[in-house]
Amino acid sequence: MMFKGLRKWTGGEAVEVDTQVLTGVVRPGDTFTGQVVLRAVGKDVQVETVVLRAVAEYAHLDTGEAETDEIGCEYLDGPFVVPEGCEHRVRFSMRLPWETPITELAGQALGPLVRLRTLLEDEDAQDDADHDLIHVAALPLHETIMDAFAAAGWTFPSSRLVGERVPAADQIFDFHQSFTLAERGPTGGGPGDLEVVFLTNAVGCEVFVRSAAPEGRYWNDKPPARRFVAAHHDLDRVDRSAEIQRWIREIVHR
C-alpha cells in the first residue's frame, strides 16, 4: 500500500507507515511474509513497538453493525528511532490459524474480509497506521468437498461470516463461516438448498451440513445439522463424490 500518515501522540511528530504483504495468496495454516516500512516526517521519531493484528470482519447478528475478531497477532522489534526523512524497514512473518476464514475459492471472491492491521504503540496510546487485505485461498480439502457438491447438483452462490459459535464443536473463534449451496434443478424429495460449515484443524475438517434456512438468525433456529469428518491425508484416498452422496442421503432421512 502507499504510505499513510499517522500523527503520533507525543510532541506532534508524524511517521508514515506502509505495510507490504509479500505473499500474494495464503491458505489456512500457512505463514505469510511481508515488511513494515516507516518514514519519519518533520523530526526523529521513536517507535516503541510495531503490532500486527490479523482480524476477520462480520456483521453482528442482532444489530448488523460491523465487528472484528482477532485471529492472529505479532509484536515486531522495538523500541527504535526513525531519523527524520529516513526509512526503517521491519520484516515479519505471521502464521494463520487453521480456522481462518476463506476469502476466495477457485479464484472467486467469497465476500468475507480478513485484514492485517498495523499499529504503532508507545507507553501512552496506540492507533491504526495501516490496513491491508489478506487473500486466503481454500485448502485442497475444501475445494474437493465443494467440487463434489457441485457434481452432485449444488452450485455455490455465497458465503458469509456469522458471529456465533457452533454448539458443541471444537472451535477457537467466536464466529464461523457459512456457505450456502443452491440446488440446481430442484427435484421432489431432496433437501433443497444446503448450508455447509467447515471447522478446520491440522488433521482435517469437521463439516456441518443441513438444509438452508436463510430466515433463521441463530444456529438453533435452523434445521439440525449433520456432522461429518474429512481428513487432509485422505484427499486422494476417498471417493469424495460417493461420500457427499452419503451425506446428502443422511440429511434427507433425518
Protein backbone atom coordinates (compact mmCIF):
# COMPACT_ATOMS: atom_id res chain seq x y z
CA MET A 1 0.00 0.00 0.00
CA MET A 2 1.01 3.63 -0.27
CA PHE A 3 2.44 5.44 2.73
CA LYS A 4 -0.17 6.57 5.20
CA GLY A 5 0.38 9.38 7.70
CA LEU A 6 -0.09 8.73 11.41
CA ARG A 7 0.05 11.62 13.86
CA LYS A 8 1.98 10.48 16.91
CA TRP A 9 0.84 11.18 20.41
CA THR A 10 3.94 12.84 21.87
CA GLY A 11 5.33 16.09 20.52
CA GLY A 12 3.12 16.15 17.41
CA GLU A 13 5.63 14.45 15.11
CA ALA A 14 4.37 12.13 12.38
CA VAL A 15 5.51 8.82 10.97
CA GLU A 16 4.32 7.43 7.64
CA VAL A 17 3.61 3.71 7.54
CA ASP A 18 3.39 1.29 4.62
CA THR A 19 2.71 -2.37 5.39
CA GLN A 20 3.51 -4.66 2.48
CA VAL A 21 2.17 -8.23 2.40
CA LEU A 22 4.63 -10.04 0.14
CA THR A 23 2.80 -13.35 -0.04
CA GLY A 24 0.06 -13.00 -2.65
CA VAL A 25 -2.32 -15.73 -1.53
CA VAL A 26 -2.11 -17.75 1.68
CA ARG A 27 -4.09 -20.74 2.94
CA PRO A 28 -5.31 -21.52 6.45
CA GLY A 29 -2.43 -22.95 8.48
CA ASP A 30 0.18 -21.27 6.24
CA THR A 31 2.66 -18.50 7.04
CA PHE A 32 2.75 -15.28 5.04
CA THR A 33 5.57 -12.74 4.95
CA GLY A 34 5.91 -9.01 4.50
CA GLN A 35 7.51 -5.85 5.77
CA VAL A 36 6.51 -2.64 7.51
CA VAL A 37 8.19 0.49 6.13
CA LEU A 38 8.25 3.56 8.41
CA ARG A 39 9.34 7.05 7.42
CA ALA A 40 9.79 9.94 9.87
CA VAL A 41 8.40 13.34 8.83
CA GLY A 42 9.47 16.60 10.48
CA LYS A 43 11.80 15.17 13.12
CA ASP A 44 13.25 11.95 14.50
CA VAL A 45 10.55 9.58 15.74
CA GLN A 46 10.89 6.90 18.40
CA VAL A 47 8.66 3.88 17.90
CA GLU A 48 8.20 1.62 20.90
CA THR A 49 6.54 -1.35 19.20
CA VAL A 50 5.00 -2.28 15.86
CA VAL A 51 1.97 -4.53 16.31
CA LEU A 52 0.36 -6.60 13.56
CA ARG A 53 -3.17 -7.87 14.13
CA ALA A 54 -4.97 -10.13 11.65
CA VAL A 55 -8.72 -9.67 12.01
CA ALA A 56 -11.87 -11.08 10.43
CA GLU A 57 -14.84 -8.81 9.82
CA TYR A 58 -18.51 -9.77 10.10
CA ALA A 59 -21.90 -8.29 10.96
CA HIS A 60 -23.34 -8.54 14.46
CA LEU A 61 -26.28 -10.97 14.46
CA ASP A 62 -28.60 -8.59 16.32
CA THR A 63 -27.56 -5.09 15.23
CA GLY A 64 -25.99 -5.76 11.83
CA GLU A 65 -23.10 -3.50 12.81
CA ALA A 66 -19.59 -4.43 11.67
CA GLU A 67 -17.48 -6.34 14.18
CA THR A 68 -13.94 -7.65 14.08
CA ASP A 69 -12.41 -10.69 15.73
CA GLU A 70 -8.66 -11.04 16.10
CA ILE A 71 -7.29 -14.23 14.56
CA GLY A 72 -3.56 -13.54 14.88
CA CYS A 73 -1.10 -11.10 16.45
CA GLU A 74 2.63 -10.39 16.13
CA TYR A 75 4.82 -7.88 18.01
CA LEU A 76 7.77 -6.68 15.95
CA ASP A 77 11.13 -5.35 17.13
CA GLY A 78 11.37 -2.15 19.15
CA PRO A 79 11.99 0.34 20.52
CA PHE A 80 13.88 2.07 17.71
CA VAL A 81 14.36 5.56 16.33
CA VAL A 82 13.49 6.53 12.75
CA PRO A 83 15.66 9.54 11.80
CA GLU A 84 13.94 12.46 10.10
CA GLY A 85 13.49 11.83 6.38
CA CYS A 86 14.74 8.23 6.65
CA GLU A 87 13.05 4.87 6.32
CA HIS A 88 13.13 1.96 8.71
CA ARG A 89 12.05 -1.48 7.48
CA VAL A 90 10.82 -4.27 9.74
CA ARG A 91 10.32 -7.70 8.18
CA PHE A 92 7.72 -10.07 9.55
CA SER A 93 6.13 -13.46 9.12
CA MET A 94 2.76 -14.48 10.54
CA ARG A 95 1.07 -17.86 10.61
CA LEU A 96 -2.68 -18.04 10.08
CA PRO A 97 -4.70 -20.47 12.23
CA TRP A 98 -6.30 -23.43 10.52
CA GLU A 99 -9.73 -21.96 11.27
CA THR A 100 -9.02 -18.73 9.35
CA PRO A 101 -11.96 -17.80 7.08
CA ILE A 102 -11.61 -18.42 3.35
CA THR A 103 -11.88 -15.28 1.25
CA GLU A 104 -11.65 -16.91 -2.18
CA LEU A 105 -12.47 -20.28 -3.70
CA ALA A 106 -11.25 -21.34 -7.15
CA GLY A 107 -10.30 -17.72 -7.82
CA GLN A 108 -13.76 -16.42 -6.88
CA ALA A 109 -14.00 -13.79 -4.13
CA LEU A 110 -16.43 -15.03 -1.48
CA GLY A 111 -17.23 -11.80 0.37
CA PRO A 112 -15.71 -12.30 3.85
CA LEU A 113 -12.80 -9.99 4.65
CA VAL A 114 -9.59 -10.77 6.52
CA ARG A 115 -7.41 -7.73 7.18
CA LEU A 116 -3.95 -7.06 8.55
CA ARG A 117 -3.98 -4.04 10.85
CA THR A 118 -0.67 -2.34 11.63
CA LEU A 119 -0.47 -0.36 14.86
CA LEU A 120 2.28 1.75 16.39
CA GLU A 121 2.38 1.54 20.15
CA ASP A 122 4.06 3.54 22.91
CA GLU A 123 3.56 3.95 26.65
CA ASP A 124 0.60 6.31 26.25
CA ALA A 125 -1.54 5.13 23.36
CA GLN A 126 -1.86 3.16 20.17
CA ASP A 127 -3.61 3.81 16.90
CA ASP A 128 -4.09 2.20 13.50
CA ALA A 129 -1.44 3.10 10.97
CA ASP A 130 -2.31 0.89 8.00
CA HIS A 131 -4.81 -1.72 6.79
CA ASP A 132 -4.18 -4.45 4.23
CA LEU A 133 -6.35 -7.26 2.89
CA ILE A 134 -5.11 -10.83 3.32
CA HIS A 135 -6.21 -13.11 0.48
CA VAL A 136 -6.98 -16.53 1.97
CA ALA A 137 -7.49 -19.35 -0.52
CA ALA A 138 -9.36 -22.59 0.15
CA LEU A 139 -7.41 -25.67 1.15
CA PRO A 140 -7.37 -28.64 -1.25
CA LEU A 141 -9.75 -30.47 1.11
CA HIS A 142 -12.26 -27.60 0.96
CA GLU A 143 -12.03 -27.50 -2.84
CA THR A 144 -12.51 -31.25 -3.18
CA ILE A 145 -15.62 -31.24 -0.99
CA MET A 146 -17.15 -28.26 -2.77
CA ASP A 147 -16.38 -29.83 -6.18
CA ALA A 148 -18.17 -33.00 -5.05
CA PHE A 149 -21.23 -30.97 -4.01
CA ALA A 150 -21.18 -29.27 -7.43
CA ALA A 151 -21.02 -32.65 -9.17
CA ALA A 152 -24.00 -33.79 -7.07
CA GLY A 153 -26.07 -30.82 -8.24
CA TRP A 154 -25.41 -27.97 -5.82
CA THR A 155 -23.95 -24.69 -7.04
CA PHE A 156 -22.09 -22.30 -4.81
CA PRO A 157 -23.57 -18.80 -4.72
CA SER A 158 -22.46 -17.24 -1.44
CA SER A 159 -20.54 -17.31 1.82
CA ARG A 160 -20.61 -15.16 4.95
CA LEU A 161 -19.17 -14.99 8.44
CA VAL A 162 -21.62 -15.50 11.28
CA GLY A 163 -20.83 -14.09 14.72
CA GLU A 164 -21.79 -17.23 16.63
CA ARG A 165 -20.02 -20.38 17.78
CA VAL A 166 -21.15 -23.77 16.51
CA PRO A 167 -22.69 -25.55 19.52
CA ALA A 168 -20.76 -28.49 20.99
CA ALA A 169 -17.92 -28.15 18.47
CA ASP A 170 -14.15 -27.83 18.84
CA GLN A 171 -13.68 -24.23 17.80
CA ILE A 172 -11.21 -21.43 18.59
CA PHE A 173 -13.09 -18.39 17.28
CA ASP A 174 -16.42 -16.86 18.27
CA PHE A 175 -17.65 -16.92 14.67
CA HIS A 176 -17.96 -19.43 11.84
CA GLN A 177 -18.05 -19.28 8.05
CA SER A 178 -21.29 -20.37 6.42
CA PHE A 179 -21.53 -21.48 2.77
CA THR A 180 -24.92 -21.54 1.05
CA LEU A 181 -25.25 -24.08 -1.78
CA ALA A 182 -28.18 -23.77 -4.18
CA GLU A 183 -29.75 -26.94 -5.54
CA ARG A 184 -29.51 -26.94 -9.32
CA GLY A 185 -32.83 -28.02 -10.85
CA PRO A 186 -34.54 -28.97 -7.54
CA THR A 187 -36.49 -32.22 -7.53
CA GLY A 188 -39.06 -33.53 -5.09
CA GLY A 189 -37.77 -35.38 -2.06
CA GLY A 190 -34.38 -33.68 -1.93
CA PRO A 191 -33.03 -31.48 0.86
CA GLY A 192 -33.23 -28.30 -1.24
CA ASP A 193 -30.60 -25.62 -0.73
CA LEU A 194 -27.85 -26.53 1.73
CA GLU A 195 -25.75 -24.76 4.33
CA VAL A 196 -22.20 -26.04 4.79
CA VAL A 197 -19.82 -25.04 7.60
CA PHE A 198 -16.16 -26.07 7.83
CA LEU A 199 -14.29 -26.09 11.14
CA THR A 200 -10.75 -26.80 10.00
CA ASN A 201 -7.78 -28.04 12.02
CA ALA A 202 -4.40 -29.62 11.38
CA VAL A 203 -5.96 -33.07 10.88
CA GLY A 204 -8.85 -32.14 8.62
CA CYS A 205 -12.33 -30.61 8.89
CA GLU A 206 -15.46 -31.04 10.86
CA VAL A 207 -18.11 -30.44 8.20
CA PHE A 208 -21.63 -29.47 9.25
CA VAL A 209 -24.31 -29.86 6.59
CA ARG A 210 -28.04 -29.11 6.78
CA SER A 211 -30.94 -27.72 4.80
CA ALA A 212 -30.51 -23.98 4.36
CA ALA A 213 -32.81 -21.65 6.28
CA PRO A 214 -31.93 -18.07 5.28
CA GLU A 215 -34.63 -16.67 7.53
CA GLY A 216 -33.04 -18.22 10.64
CA ARG A 217 -30.76 -15.89 12.56
CA TYR A 218 -29.21 -18.19 15.15
CA TRP A 219 -27.79 -21.67 14.81
CA ASN A 220 -30.57 -23.33 16.82
CA ASP A 221 -33.27 -21.53 14.81
CA LYS A 222 -32.30 -23.58 11.77
CA PRO A 223 -32.76 -27.26 10.88
CA PRO A 224 -30.50 -29.71 12.74
CA ALA A 225 -27.07 -30.15 11.15
CA ARG A 226 -25.31 -33.42 10.46
CA ARG A 227 -21.65 -33.51 11.45
CA PHE A 228 -19.14 -35.26 9.21
CA VAL A 229 -15.35 -35.55 9.38
CA ALA A 230 -12.89 -35.30 6.48
CA ALA A 231 -9.11 -35.68 6.81
CA HIS A 232 -6.39 -33.90 4.84
CA HIS A 233 -4.45 -37.13 4.39
CA ASP A 234 -7.48 -38.86 2.80
CA LEU A 235 -7.61 -36.35 -0.02
CA ASP A 236 -6.59 -38.85 -2.70
CA ARG A 237 -7.87 -41.99 -0.96
CA VAL A 238 -11.57 -41.26 -0.53
CA ASP A 239 -14.24 -41.26 -3.22
CA ARG A 240 -15.46 -37.79 -2.28
CA SER A 241 -18.42 -37.89 -4.69
CA ALA A 242 -19.74 -41.06 -3.09
CA GLU A 243 -19.08 -39.55 0.34
CA ILE A 244 -21.11 -36.43 -0.47
CA GLN A 245 -23.98 -38.54 -1.80
CA ARG A 246 -23.99 -40.41 1.52
CA TRP A 247 -24.03 -37.12 3.43
CA ILE A 248 -26.99 -35.87 1.41
CA ARG A 249 -28.94 -39.11 1.97
CA GLU A 250 -28.40 -38.77 5.72
CA ILE A 251 -29.74 -35.22 5.65
CA VAL A 252 -32.83 -36.29 3.69
CA HIS A 253 -33.59 -39.25 6.01
CA ARG A 254 -33.06 -37.13 9.08
